[in-house]
Amino acid sequence: MDIRMGIRETRERLGDRVNAAHYLGEVTIVERNGTPYAVLVPYQWWAGQQTHPNSAG
């Protein structure tokens, strides 16, 4: 499940979102004025992308 939130809310809930990524595999899309700026993903997923960089869809 992808969660979308603004930068301010992400700052306030960063610890919760990091835990959600690590323990639940949740992705958080960080937006500024409705535009996606960054994505918080589980480390295991990110590490796998570094090993296989051409597997991204």
Foldseek 3Di string as FASTA:
>chain_A
DEAEDEPVVCVVCVVVVLCCQAVVQYKYFYDDPPHTDDIDHRPVVVVVCVVVVVPDD
